[in-house]
Amino acid sequence: MVWTTQETTTHQDHVIAHVIGATVLGSFVFDESIYVLLDIGFLWRVYLDGEMGLLPTSVTIEELDAEVEIKEQLKIDCDRLSHQAVGEAGDLKQMTRAPSECAIDDVTLQRNGEDWRLLLHGEQNTLGIQASMSVRIIELLQL
């Protein structure tokens, strides 16, 4: 697969500026978006089309069009991930722990046809938020 670097939009640049320096703790996928939990108390929502937003964790979860039980479990999972050392968060029900600890130093956007990925560059590793428009999937990966 050949990935080419793409320019981000002004809005993406604004959101990305806020996540620089934050550490990725975990994520969950809901309604064709991935929500990335950051250690700064925010969830970074990245839509399947690459647009994004950043809101406090509690606000994001309350705004979800989900069952009350799912929202409650997301709150518990976010709390566990936010207050425990990496690998010590216990059982998570709605979220997935980040594949590795990544304090974000830089973010770049790449495309390959209809597919795209955001590379979250950390000092010791790189994570990727990767999406395929053809199969309508978005996920957080260790790269």
Foldseek 3Di string as FASTA:
>chain_A
DDKDFDDDDPQVVVQQVVQQQWKFWWWFDDDQWIWTQTLVQWTWIAHLQGDIDIDGPLVVLVPDPDDPVLSVLSVLQSVLSNPDDRPPSPDRDGIGTAPDIFRFNDWTWIDDVQKIWIWRDGPVFIKIFIHHPVVSDTDIGGD
